Amino acid sequence: LRRFRGPLRRYVPLVLVLVPLLYGALYLWSNWDPYGRLRQVPVAVVNADVPVDARGEHLDAGEQFVQQLKATDTFDWHFVDAGEARRGLESGRYYFTVEVPPDFSARLASAAERTPERAALRIVKDDANGYIVGVMADTVKTELQNQVNAAAHATYARALYGELGQAREKLQTASEASKKLVDGTQLHK
């Protein structure tokens, strides 16, 4: 401490104590309750899905997914095209992007076939926005997966119940035909 004699040198120990204190305080303030501010995190959503007609049903799962996102206020959703999402991610306007691929509906429609395909979303995050944003993006993956699972279940149920309805109609037709056959054989006895 003898070295710090002099008019300005007396403040050096104070500065050495304050710099880490300020750094720690700023770090804590910036990361305080990050999940409470999710509504302020800008996220780009790109719907590139192409609707399909499968088994007599029109399926637009990408649009259904987008409508589900619009109904929630988890993040500050921005519904844009692929170019705008890429430019916004590169410039820092969006923290990450969620893309519905063109074959999303087709893959969900394949749930009723013998070889179903897994539908997936593409999430691209920019690590330059910080570690916490990456953690939030990983957290939202489970919520998005739940919404995709709900859309897949609805599609599968529609396909399954649609087939059951067709089977029911065929069974009714067969029942009516067998009834006519029985009635016809009873008349000839």
N, C-alpha and C. Protein backbone atom coordinates (compact mmCIF):
# COMPACT_ATOMS: atom_id res chain seq x y z
N LEU A 1 0.81 -1.20 0.00
CA LEU A 1 0.00 0.00 0.00
C LEU A 1 0.86 1.27 0.00
N ARG A 2 2.16 1.12 0.37
CA ARG A 2 3.03 2.29 0.36
C ARG A 2 3.25 2.80 -1.05
N ARG A 3 3.15 1.94 -2.02
CA ARG A 3 3.35 2.34 -3.40
C ARG A 3 2.27 3.30 -3.89
N PHE A 4 1.11 3.23 -3.29
CA PHE A 4 -0.03 4.02 -3.76
C PHE A 4 -0.12 5.39 -3.10
N ARG A 5 1.01 5.92 -2.70
CA ARG A 5 1.03 7.27 -2.15
C ARG A 5 1.08 8.26 -3.30
N GLY A 6 0.47 9.31 -3.11
CA GLY A 6 0.40 10.33 -4.14
C GLY A 6 -1.05 10.69 -4.38
N PRO A 7 -1.31 11.78 -5.08
CA PRO A 7 -2.69 12.24 -5.22
C PRO A 7 -3.58 11.28 -6.01
N LEU A 8 -3.15 10.75 -7.15
CA LEU A 8 -4.00 9.86 -7.95
C LEU A 8 -3.80 8.40 -7.62
N ARG A 9 -2.67 8.07 -7.13
CA ARG A 9 -2.37 6.68 -6.83
C ARG A 9 -3.22 6.14 -5.68
N ARG A 10 -3.73 7.00 -4.89
CA ARG A 10 -4.57 6.55 -3.77
C ARG A 10 -5.88 5.93 -4.28
N TYR A 11 -6.29 6.29 -5.47
CA TYR A 11 -7.55 5.78 -6.02
C TYR A 11 -7.39 4.45 -6.76
N VAL A 12 -6.18 4.00 -6.99
CA VAL A 12 -5.94 2.75 -7.71
C VAL A 12 -6.57 1.56 -6.99
N PRO A 13 -6.39 1.37 -5.67
CA PRO A 13 -7.07 0.22 -5.03
C PRO A 13 -8.59 0.30 -5.15
N LEU A 14 -9.12 1.51 -5.08
CA LEU A 14 -10.56 1.68 -5.22
C LEU A 14 -11.02 1.26 -6.62
N VAL A 15 -10.29 1.63 -7.64
CA VAL A 15 -10.61 1.25 -9.02
C VAL A 15 -10.47 -0.25 -9.19
N LEU A 16 -9.44 -0.84 -8.60
CA LEU A 16 -9.24 -2.29 -8.69
C LEU A 16 -10.39 -3.06 -8.04
N VAL A 17 -11.03 -2.49 -7.07
CA VAL A 17 -12.18 -3.13 -6.43
C VAL A 17 -13.46 -2.85 -7.21
N LEU A 18 -13.61 -1.65 -7.74
CA LEU A 18 -14.84 -1.27 -8.43
C LEU A 18 -15.01 -1.93 -9.80
N VAL A 19 -13.93 -2.15 -10.54
CA VAL A 19 -14.06 -2.72 -11.89
C VAL A 19 -14.70 -4.10 -11.85
N PRO A 20 -14.19 -5.06 -11.04
CA PRO A 20 -14.88 -6.36 -11.00
C PRO A 20 -16.30 -6.27 -10.45
N LEU A 21 -16.50 -5.35 -9.49
CA LEU A 21 -17.83 -5.17 -8.93
C LEU A 21 -18.81 -4.68 -9.99
N LEU A 22 -18.41 -3.69 -10.78
CA LEU A 22 -19.26 -3.19 -11.87
C LEU A 22 -19.49 -4.27 -12.93
N TYR A 23 -18.45 -5.01 -13.27
CA TYR A 23 -18.59 -6.07 -14.26
C TYR A 23 -19.59 -7.12 -13.78
N GLY A 24 -19.45 -7.55 -12.55
CA GLY A 24 -20.36 -8.55 -11.99
C GLY A 24 -21.79 -8.04 -11.91
N ALA A 25 -21.95 -6.77 -11.51
CA ALA A 25 -23.29 -6.19 -11.41
C ALA A 25 -23.95 -6.09 -12.78
N LEU A 26 -23.20 -5.65 -13.80
CA LEU A 26 -23.76 -5.57 -15.15
C LEU A 26 -24.12 -6.95 -15.69
N TYR A 27 -23.29 -7.95 -15.40
CA TYR A 27 -23.58 -9.31 -15.85
C TYR A 27 -24.86 -9.83 -15.20
N LEU A 28 -24.99 -9.63 -13.90
CA LEU A 28 -26.20 -10.08 -13.20
C LEU A 28 -27.43 -9.34 -13.69
N TRP A 29 -27.33 -8.04 -13.90
CA TRP A 29 -28.47 -7.26 -14.37
C TRP A 29 -28.91 -7.73 -15.76
N SER A 30 -27.96 -8.00 -16.64
CA SER A 30 -28.32 -8.39 -18.01
C SER A 30 -28.94 -9.78 -18.07
N ASN A 31 -28.61 -10.64 -17.12
CA ASN A 31 -29.15 -12.00 -17.12
C ASN A 31 -30.22 -12.22 -16.07
N TRP A 32 -30.69 -11.18 -15.45
CA TRP A 32 -31.70 -11.31 -14.41
C TRP A 32 -33.05 -11.64 -15.03
N ASP A 33 -33.64 -12.74 -14.66
CA ASP A 33 -34.95 -13.19 -15.13
C ASP A 33 -35.09 -13.16 -16.65
N PRO A 34 -34.26 -13.91 -17.37
CA PRO A 34 -34.36 -13.89 -18.83
C PRO A 34 -35.67 -14.49 -19.34
N TYR A 35 -36.25 -15.44 -18.60
CA TYR A 35 -37.49 -16.06 -19.06
C TYR A 35 -38.69 -15.16 -18.84
N GLY A 36 -38.56 -14.16 -18.00
CA GLY A 36 -39.65 -13.21 -17.79
C GLY A 36 -39.75 -12.20 -18.92
N ARG A 37 -38.72 -12.13 -19.74
CA ARG A 37 -38.70 -11.17 -20.85
C ARG A 37 -38.75 -11.85 -22.22
N LEU A 38 -39.23 -13.05 -22.27
CA LEU A 38 -39.27 -13.77 -23.55
C LEU A 38 -40.12 -13.05 -24.59
N ARG A 39 -41.14 -12.35 -24.15
CA ARG A 39 -42.03 -11.66 -25.10
C ARG A 39 -41.30 -10.55 -25.85
N GLN A 40 -40.13 -10.17 -25.37
CA GLN A 40 -39.35 -9.12 -26.01
C GLN A 40 -38.31 -9.69 -26.97
N VAL A 41 -38.19 -11.02 -27.04
CA VAL A 41 -37.19 -11.65 -27.90
C VAL A 41 -37.78 -11.80 -29.30
N PRO A 42 -37.21 -11.11 -30.31
CA PRO A 42 -37.74 -11.21 -31.68
C PRO A 42 -37.32 -12.51 -32.35
N VAL A 43 -38.32 -13.23 -32.87
CA VAL A 43 -38.09 -14.50 -33.54
C VAL A 43 -38.79 -14.48 -34.89
N ALA A 44 -38.06 -14.85 -35.94
CA ALA A 44 -38.64 -14.90 -37.29
C ALA A 44 -39.20 -16.29 -37.53
N VAL A 45 -40.40 -16.35 -38.09
CA VAL A 45 -41.05 -17.61 -38.44
C VAL A 45 -41.28 -17.62 -39.94
N VAL A 46 -40.78 -18.67 -40.60
CA VAL A 46 -40.90 -18.80 -42.05
C VAL A 46 -41.76 -20.02 -42.34
N ASN A 47 -42.86 -19.82 -43.05
CA ASN A 47 -43.74 -20.93 -43.42
C ASN A 47 -43.55 -21.21 -44.91
N ALA A 48 -42.71 -22.20 -45.22
CA ALA A 48 -42.46 -22.58 -46.61
C ALA A 48 -43.24 -23.84 -46.98
N ASP A 49 -44.16 -24.25 -46.10
CA ASP A 49 -44.90 -25.49 -46.30
C ASP A 49 -45.81 -25.42 -47.52
N VAL A 50 -45.88 -26.54 -48.23
CA VAL A 50 -46.77 -26.68 -49.39
C VAL A 50 -47.91 -27.61 -48.96
N PRO A 51 -49.16 -27.12 -48.95
CA PRO A 51 -50.28 -27.97 -48.55
C PRO A 51 -50.43 -29.16 -49.49
N VAL A 52 -50.97 -30.25 -48.96
CA VAL A 52 -51.17 -31.46 -49.75
C VAL A 52 -52.61 -31.95 -49.59
N ASP A 53 -53.04 -32.74 -50.57
CA ASP A 53 -54.32 -33.44 -50.49
C ASP A 53 -53.99 -34.92 -50.34
N ALA A 54 -54.38 -35.49 -49.21
CA ALA A 54 -54.08 -36.89 -48.94
C ALA A 54 -55.33 -37.57 -48.41
N ARG A 55 -55.68 -38.67 -49.03
CA ARG A 55 -56.83 -39.48 -48.59
C ARG A 55 -58.11 -38.66 -48.52
N GLY A 56 -58.27 -37.79 -49.48
CA GLY A 56 -59.48 -36.99 -49.56
C GLY A 56 -59.51 -35.82 -48.60
N GLU A 57 -58.45 -35.55 -47.91
CA GLU A 57 -58.38 -34.45 -46.95
C GLU A 57 -57.36 -33.43 -47.44
N HIS A 58 -57.69 -32.15 -47.31
CA HIS A 58 -56.74 -31.08 -47.61
C HIS A 58 -55.98 -30.76 -46.33
N LEU A 59 -54.66 -30.86 -46.37
CA LEU A 59 -53.85 -30.67 -45.19
C LEU A 59 -52.88 -29.51 -45.39
N ASP A 60 -53.02 -28.50 -44.56
CA ASP A 60 -52.12 -27.35 -44.57
C ASP A 60 -51.55 -27.21 -43.15
N ALA A 61 -50.67 -28.14 -42.78
CA ALA A 61 -50.15 -28.20 -41.42
C ALA A 61 -49.26 -27.01 -41.09
N GLY A 62 -48.56 -26.47 -42.08
CA GLY A 62 -47.72 -25.29 -41.84
C GLY A 62 -48.55 -24.11 -41.40
N GLU A 63 -49.68 -23.89 -42.06
CA GLU A 63 -50.56 -22.77 -41.69
C GLU A 63 -51.17 -23.01 -40.31
N GLN A 64 -51.54 -24.27 -40.01
CA GLN A 64 -52.07 -24.58 -38.68
C GLN A 64 -51.03 -24.28 -37.60
N PHE A 65 -49.78 -24.64 -37.88
CA PHE A 65 -48.70 -24.38 -36.93
C PHE A 65 -48.51 -22.88 -36.71
N VAL A 66 -48.53 -22.12 -37.81
CA VAL A 66 -48.39 -20.66 -37.71
C VAL A 66 -49.53 -20.06 -36.90
N GLN A 67 -50.75 -20.55 -37.10
CA GLN A 67 -51.89 -20.05 -36.34
C GLN A 67 -51.73 -20.37 -34.85
N GLN A 68 -51.17 -21.55 -34.54
CA GLN A 68 -50.92 -21.89 -33.14
C GLN A 68 -49.91 -20.93 -32.52
N LEU A 69 -48.86 -20.57 -33.29
CA LEU A 69 -47.87 -19.64 -32.78
C LEU A 69 -48.47 -18.25 -32.57
N LYS A 70 -49.33 -17.83 -33.49
CA LYS A 70 -49.97 -16.51 -33.36
C LYS A 70 -50.85 -16.45 -32.12
N ALA A 71 -51.39 -17.59 -31.70
CA ALA A 71 -52.26 -17.63 -30.52
C ALA A 71 -51.46 -17.56 -29.22
N THR A 72 -50.15 -17.84 -29.29
CA THR A 72 -49.31 -17.76 -28.10
C THR A 72 -48.46 -16.51 -28.15
N ASP A 73 -48.09 -16.02 -27.00
CA ASP A 73 -47.23 -14.85 -26.95
C ASP A 73 -45.92 -15.17 -26.24
N THR A 74 -45.39 -16.35 -26.52
CA THR A 74 -44.15 -16.77 -25.89
C THR A 74 -43.00 -15.86 -26.27
N PHE A 75 -42.89 -15.56 -27.57
CA PHE A 75 -41.86 -14.68 -28.09
C PHE A 75 -42.52 -13.56 -28.90
N ASP A 76 -41.69 -12.65 -29.37
CA ASP A 76 -42.15 -11.60 -30.28
C ASP A 76 -42.05 -12.17 -31.70
N TRP A 77 -43.09 -12.88 -32.12
CA TRP A 77 -43.08 -13.59 -33.40
C TRP A 77 -43.17 -12.60 -34.56
N HIS A 78 -42.36 -12.84 -35.59
CA HIS A 78 -42.39 -12.07 -36.83
C HIS A 78 -42.53 -13.09 -37.97
N PHE A 79 -43.63 -13.04 -38.70
CA PHE A 79 -43.90 -14.00 -39.76
C PHE A 79 -43.43 -13.39 -41.08
N VAL A 80 -42.30 -13.91 -41.58
CA VAL A 80 -41.62 -13.33 -42.73
C VAL A 80 -41.24 -14.43 -43.72
N ASP A 81 -40.69 -14.02 -44.86
CA ASP A 81 -40.20 -15.01 -45.83
C ASP A 81 -38.76 -15.39 -45.49
N ALA A 82 -38.22 -16.37 -46.21
CA ALA A 82 -36.90 -16.93 -45.89
C ALA A 82 -35.78 -15.90 -46.03
N GLY A 83 -35.84 -15.08 -47.06
CA GLY A 83 -34.80 -14.07 -47.27
C GLY A 83 -34.77 -13.04 -46.15
N GLU A 84 -35.94 -12.56 -45.76
CA GLU A 84 -36.03 -11.58 -44.68
C GLU A 84 -35.55 -12.19 -43.37
N ALA A 85 -35.88 -13.45 -43.12
CA ALA A 85 -35.44 -14.12 -41.89
C ALA A 85 -33.91 -14.23 -41.86
N ARG A 86 -33.32 -14.62 -42.97
CA ARG A 86 -31.86 -14.76 -43.03
C ARG A 86 -31.17 -13.41 -42.83
N ARG A 87 -31.66 -12.38 -43.51
CA ARG A 87 -31.08 -11.04 -43.36
C ARG A 87 -31.25 -10.52 -41.93
N GLY A 88 -32.43 -10.76 -41.35
CA GLY A 88 -32.69 -10.32 -39.99
C GLY A 88 -31.83 -11.04 -38.97
N LEU A 89 -31.56 -12.32 -39.20
CA LEU A 89 -30.71 -13.09 -38.29
C LEU A 89 -29.26 -12.60 -38.40
N GLU A 90 -28.81 -12.34 -39.62
CA GLU A 90 -27.44 -11.87 -39.82
C GLU A 90 -27.23 -10.47 -39.23
N SER A 91 -28.24 -9.61 -39.32
CA SER A 91 -28.09 -8.24 -38.82
C SER A 91 -28.40 -8.13 -37.33
N GLY A 92 -28.96 -9.17 -36.72
CA GLY A 92 -29.26 -9.14 -35.30
C GLY A 92 -30.67 -8.68 -34.96
N ARG A 93 -31.51 -8.45 -35.98
CA ARG A 93 -32.90 -8.07 -35.71
C ARG A 93 -33.68 -9.22 -35.08
N TYR A 94 -33.37 -10.45 -35.50
CA TYR A 94 -34.01 -11.64 -34.94
C TYR A 94 -32.96 -12.45 -34.20
N TYR A 95 -33.35 -13.00 -33.06
CA TYR A 95 -32.41 -13.78 -32.27
C TYR A 95 -32.29 -15.20 -32.81
N PHE A 96 -33.39 -15.74 -33.32
CA PHE A 96 -33.33 -17.02 -34.03
C PHE A 96 -34.52 -17.13 -34.95
N THR A 97 -34.47 -18.13 -35.84
CA THR A 97 -35.54 -18.32 -36.81
C THR A 97 -36.11 -19.73 -36.67
N VAL A 98 -37.40 -19.83 -36.95
CA VAL A 98 -38.09 -21.12 -36.99
C VAL A 98 -38.63 -21.27 -38.40
N GLU A 99 -38.20 -22.33 -39.09
CA GLU A 99 -38.63 -22.53 -40.47
C GLU A 99 -39.46 -23.81 -40.60
N VAL A 100 -40.63 -23.66 -41.21
CA VAL A 100 -41.47 -24.81 -41.54
C VAL A 100 -41.07 -25.23 -42.96
N PRO A 101 -40.48 -26.42 -43.14
CA PRO A 101 -39.98 -26.82 -44.46
C PRO A 101 -41.11 -27.09 -45.45
N PRO A 102 -40.79 -27.10 -46.75
CA PRO A 102 -41.82 -27.30 -47.77
C PRO A 102 -42.55 -28.65 -47.68
N ASP A 103 -41.90 -29.68 -47.15
CA ASP A 103 -42.51 -31.01 -47.09
C ASP A 103 -43.15 -31.32 -45.74
N PHE A 104 -43.43 -30.31 -44.94
CA PHE A 104 -43.97 -30.50 -43.60
C PHE A 104 -45.33 -31.20 -43.64
N SER A 105 -46.26 -30.69 -44.45
CA SER A 105 -47.60 -31.31 -44.56
C SER A 105 -47.51 -32.70 -45.16
N ALA A 106 -46.66 -32.86 -46.16
CA ALA A 106 -46.53 -34.17 -46.82
C ALA A 106 -46.01 -35.22 -45.83
N ARG A 107 -45.07 -34.83 -45.01
CA ARG A 107 -44.54 -35.77 -44.02
C ARG A 107 -45.59 -36.11 -42.96
N LEU A 108 -46.37 -35.11 -42.54
CA LEU A 108 -47.42 -35.40 -41.57
C LEU A 108 -48.52 -36.27 -42.19
N ALA A 109 -48.81 -36.05 -43.47
CA ALA A 109 -49.84 -36.85 -44.15
C ALA A 109 -49.39 -38.30 -44.30
N SER A 110 -48.08 -38.54 -44.27
CA SER A 110 -47.58 -39.91 -44.42
C SER A 110 -47.78 -40.74 -43.15
N ALA A 111 -48.32 -40.14 -42.09
CA ALA A 111 -48.52 -40.86 -40.83
C ALA A 111 -49.47 -42.04 -40.98
N ALA A 112 -50.40 -41.96 -41.91
CA ALA A 112 -51.36 -43.04 -42.10
C ALA A 112 -50.86 -44.09 -43.09
N GLU A 113 -49.69 -43.90 -43.65
CA GLU A 113 -49.15 -44.85 -44.63
C GLU A 113 -48.27 -45.88 -43.93
N ARG A 114 -47.82 -46.85 -44.71
CA ARG A 114 -47.00 -47.92 -44.14
C ARG A 114 -45.61 -47.44 -43.73
N THR A 115 -45.10 -46.46 -44.43
CA THR A 115 -43.78 -45.92 -44.11
C THR A 115 -43.90 -44.43 -43.78
N PRO A 116 -44.32 -44.13 -42.56
CA PRO A 116 -44.48 -42.72 -42.20
C PRO A 116 -43.12 -42.02 -42.10
N GLU A 117 -43.13 -40.73 -42.39
CA GLU A 117 -41.92 -39.93 -42.30
C GLU A 117 -42.07 -38.93 -41.17
N ARG A 118 -40.98 -38.61 -40.56
CA ARG A 118 -41.01 -37.69 -39.42
C ARG A 118 -40.99 -36.24 -39.91
N ALA A 119 -41.93 -35.45 -39.42
CA ALA A 119 -41.98 -34.03 -39.74
C ALA A 119 -41.08 -33.28 -38.76
N ALA A 120 -40.35 -32.31 -39.27
CA ALA A 120 -39.42 -31.58 -38.42
C ALA A 120 -39.42 -30.10 -38.78
N LEU A 121 -39.09 -29.30 -37.82
CA LEU A 121 -38.91 -27.87 -38.02
C LEU A 121 -37.41 -27.58 -38.00
N ARG A 122 -37.04 -26.48 -38.59
CA ARG A 122 -35.63 -26.09 -38.59
C ARG A 122 -35.50 -24.81 -37.76
N ILE A 123 -34.67 -24.88 -36.73
CA ILE A 123 -34.42 -23.72 -35.88
C ILE A 123 -32.97 -23.31 -36.08
N VAL A 124 -32.77 -22.05 -36.46
CA VAL A 124 -31.42 -21.51 -36.65
C VAL A 124 -31.25 -20.38 -35.65
N LYS A 125 -30.20 -20.48 -34.84
CA LYS A 125 -29.96 -19.43 -33.86
C LYS A 125 -28.62 -18.77 -34.12
N ASP A 126 -28.51 -17.54 -33.70
CA ASP A 126 -27.29 -16.77 -33.87
C ASP A 126 -26.60 -16.70 -32.52
N ASP A 127 -25.46 -17.37 -32.39
CA ASP A 127 -24.77 -17.40 -31.11
C ASP A 127 -24.18 -16.06 -30.72
N ALA A 128 -24.13 -15.11 -31.66
CA ALA A 128 -23.61 -13.79 -31.34
C ALA A 128 -24.54 -13.04 -30.38
N ASN A 129 -25.77 -13.48 -30.25
CA ASN A 129 -26.72 -12.82 -29.36
C ASN A 129 -26.54 -13.23 -27.91
N GLY A 130 -25.66 -14.15 -27.64
CA GLY A 130 -25.35 -14.52 -26.27
C GLY A 130 -25.79 -15.93 -25.91
N TYR A 131 -25.23 -16.39 -24.84
CA TYR A 131 -25.48 -17.74 -24.35
C TYR A 131 -26.93 -17.91 -23.91
N ILE A 132 -27.48 -16.92 -23.25
CA ILE A 132 -28.83 -17.02 -22.71
C ILE A 132 -29.85 -17.20 -23.83
N VAL A 133 -29.67 -16.50 -24.94
CA VAL A 133 -30.60 -16.64 -26.06
C VAL A 133 -30.55 -18.06 -26.61
N GLY A 134 -29.36 -18.66 -26.66
CA GLY A 134 -29.24 -20.05 -27.10
C GLY A 134 -29.97 -20.99 -26.16
N VAL A 135 -29.88 -20.74 -24.87
CA VAL A 135 -30.59 -21.57 -23.89
C VAL A 135 -32.10 -21.41 -24.07
N MET A 136 -32.55 -20.17 -24.32
CA MET A 136 -33.98 -19.93 -24.53
C MET A 136 -34.46 -20.65 -25.79
N ALA A 137 -33.64 -20.61 -26.85
CA ALA A 137 -34.02 -21.30 -28.09
C ALA A 137 -34.12 -22.80 -27.86
N ASP A 138 -33.19 -23.34 -27.08
CA ASP A 138 -33.26 -24.77 -26.77
C ASP A 138 -34.49 -25.09 -25.93
N THR A 139 -34.87 -24.18 -25.04
CA THR A 139 -36.05 -24.38 -24.21
C THR A 139 -37.32 -24.37 -25.05
N VAL A 140 -37.38 -23.45 -26.00
CA VAL A 140 -38.59 -23.34 -26.81
C VAL A 140 -38.73 -24.52 -27.76
N LYS A 141 -37.64 -25.24 -28.01
CA LYS A 141 -37.72 -26.42 -28.89
C LYS A 141 -38.74 -27.42 -28.36
N THR A 142 -38.79 -27.59 -27.05
CA THR A 142 -39.76 -28.56 -26.50
C THR A 142 -41.18 -28.09 -26.72
N GLU A 143 -41.42 -26.77 -26.57
CA GLU A 143 -42.77 -26.26 -26.81
C GLU A 143 -43.14 -26.40 -28.28
N LEU A 144 -42.21 -26.10 -29.17
CA LEU A 144 -42.47 -26.25 -30.60
C LEU A 144 -42.70 -27.72 -30.95
N GLN A 145 -41.93 -28.60 -30.32
CA GLN A 145 -42.11 -30.04 -30.57
C GLN A 145 -43.49 -30.47 -30.11
N ASN A 146 -43.97 -29.95 -29.00
CA ASN A 146 -45.32 -30.28 -28.53
C ASN A 146 -46.37 -29.82 -29.54
N GLN A 147 -46.18 -28.64 -30.13
CA GLN A 147 -47.13 -28.15 -31.11
C GLN A 147 -47.08 -28.98 -32.39
N VAL A 148 -45.88 -29.40 -32.79
CA VAL A 148 -45.77 -30.27 -33.97
C VAL A 148 -46.42 -31.61 -33.67
N ASN A 149 -46.21 -32.13 -32.47
CA ASN A 149 -46.83 -33.40 -32.10
C ASN A 149 -48.35 -33.29 -32.12
N ALA A 150 -48.88 -32.16 -31.66
CA ALA A 150 -50.33 -31.97 -31.68
C ALA A 150 -50.84 -31.94 -33.11
N ALA A 151 -50.11 -31.25 -34.00
CA ALA A 151 -50.53 -31.22 -35.41
C ALA A 151 -50.44 -32.60 -36.03
N ALA A 152 -49.38 -33.35 -35.68
CA ALA A 152 -49.22 -34.70 -36.22
C ALA A 152 -50.34 -35.62 -35.71
N HIS A 153 -50.67 -35.48 -34.43
CA HIS A 153 -51.74 -36.31 -33.87
C HIS A 153 -53.08 -36.01 -34.54
N ALA A 154 -53.35 -34.73 -34.75
CA ALA A 154 -54.61 -34.35 -35.41
C ALA A 154 -54.66 -34.90 -36.83
N THR A 155 -53.55 -34.82 -37.54
CA THR A 155 -53.49 -35.35 -38.91
C THR A 155 -53.67 -36.86 -38.92
N TYR A 156 -52.97 -37.53 -38.01
CA TYR A 156 -53.08 -38.98 -37.95
C TYR A 156 -54.49 -39.41 -37.57
N ALA A 157 -55.08 -38.72 -36.60
CA ALA A 157 -56.44 -39.06 -36.17
C ALA A 157 -57.43 -38.83 -37.32
N ARG A 158 -57.23 -37.73 -38.05
CA ARG A 158 -58.11 -37.46 -39.19
C ARG A 158 -58.00 -38.55 -40.25
N ALA A 159 -56.76 -38.96 -40.50
CA ALA A 159 -56.55 -40.02 -41.50
C ALA A 159 -57.13 -41.35 -41.01
N LEU A 160 -56.90 -41.66 -39.73
CA LEU A 160 -57.40 -42.92 -39.18
C LEU A 160 -58.92 -42.95 -39.12
N TYR A 161 -59.51 -41.88 -38.60
CA TYR A 161 -60.96 -41.85 -38.48
C TYR A 161 -61.62 -41.72 -39.85
N GLY A 162 -60.93 -41.08 -40.77
CA GLY A 162 -61.45 -41.01 -42.14
C GLY A 162 -61.51 -42.40 -42.75
N GLU A 163 -60.46 -43.21 -42.52
CA GLU A 163 -60.47 -44.58 -43.01
C GLU A 163 -61.53 -45.41 -42.30
N LEU A 164 -61.71 -45.17 -41.00
CA LEU A 164 -62.75 -45.91 -40.27
C LEU A 164 -64.14 -45.55 -40.81
N GLY A 165 -64.31 -44.27 -41.17
CA GLY A 165 -65.59 -43.86 -41.75
C GLY A 165 -65.84 -44.56 -43.08
N GLN A 166 -64.78 -44.67 -43.90
CA GLN A 166 -64.92 -45.38 -45.17
C GLN A 166 -65.22 -46.86 -44.92
N ALA A 167 -64.54 -47.46 -43.94
CA ALA A 167 -64.79 -48.87 -43.62
C ALA A 167 -66.22 -49.05 -43.13
N ARG A 168 -66.71 -48.10 -42.34
CA ARG A 168 -68.07 -48.18 -41.84
C ARG A 168 -69.07 -48.14 -42.99
N GLU A 169 -68.84 -47.21 -43.93
CA GLU A 169 -69.73 -47.12 -45.10
C GLU A 169 -69.72 -48.42 -45.90
N LYS A 170 -68.56 -49.01 -46.08
CA LYS A 170 -68.46 -50.27 -46.84
C LYS A 170 -69.14 -51.41 -46.10
N LEU A 171 -68.99 -51.42 -44.76
CA LEU A 171 -69.67 -52.45 -43.98
C LEU A 171 -71.18 -52.28 -44.06
N GLN A 172 -71.68 -51.05 -44.05
CA GLN A 172 -73.12 -50.82 -44.18
C GLN A 172 -73.60 -51.28 -45.55
N THR A 173 -72.83 -50.99 -46.59
CA THR A 173 -73.21 -51.43 -47.94
C THR A 173 -73.24 -52.95 -48.01
N ALA A 174 -72.21 -53.58 -47.41
CA ALA A 174 -72.17 -55.05 -47.40
C ALA A 174 -73.32 -55.63 -46.60
N SER A 175 -73.67 -54.97 -45.49
CA SER A 175 -74.77 -55.44 -44.66
C SER A 175 -76.10 -55.34 -45.41
N GLU A 176 -76.30 -54.23 -46.11
CA GLU A 176 -77.53 -54.07 -46.88
C GLU A 176 -77.60 -55.08 -48.02
N ALA A 177 -76.46 -55.34 -48.65
CA ALA A 177 -76.43 -56.33 -49.74
C ALA A 177 -76.72 -57.73 -49.21
N SER A 178 -76.15 -58.07 -48.06
CA SER A 178 -76.41 -59.40 -47.50
C SER A 178 -77.86 -59.52 -47.04
N LYS A 179 -78.43 -58.43 -46.55
CA LYS A 179 -79.84 -58.44 -46.15
C LYS A 179 -80.72 -58.69 -47.37
N LYS A 180 -80.42 -58.03 -48.49
CA LYS A 180 -81.18 -58.26 -49.73
C LYS A 180 -81.02 -59.68 -50.21
N LEU A 181 -79.81 -60.21 -50.05
CA LEU A 181 -79.56 -61.59 -50.46
C LEU A 181 -80.38 -62.56 -49.62
N VAL A 182 -80.43 -62.33 -48.31
CA VAL A 182 -81.22 -63.19 -47.42
C VAL A 182 -82.70 -63.07 -47.76
N ASP A 183 -83.16 -61.83 -47.99
CA ASP A 183 -84.56 -61.63 -48.34
C ASP A 183 -84.88 -62.33 -49.67
N GLY A 184 -83.96 -62.28 -50.61
CA GLY A 184 -84.19 -62.91 -51.92
C GLY A 184 -84.23 -64.43 -51.80
N THR A 185 -83.42 -65.02 -50.95
CA THR A 185 -83.42 -66.48 -50.79
C THR A 185 -84.65 -66.94 -50.03
N GLN A 186 -85.19 -66.14 -49.14
CA GLN A 186 -86.38 -66.53 -48.39
C GLN A 186 -87.60 -66.49 -49.29
N LEU A 187 -87.63 -65.63 -50.30
CA LEU A 187 -88.76 -65.57 -51.20
C LEU A 187 -88.80 -66.79 -52.11
N HIS A 188 -87.67 -67.36 -52.47
CA HIS A 188 -87.62 -68.50 -53.39
C HIS A 188 -87.82 -69.82 -52.68
N LYS A 189 -87.91 -69.88 -51.39
CA LYS A 189 -88.12 -71.13 -50.68
C LYS A 189 -89.53 -71.58 -50.75
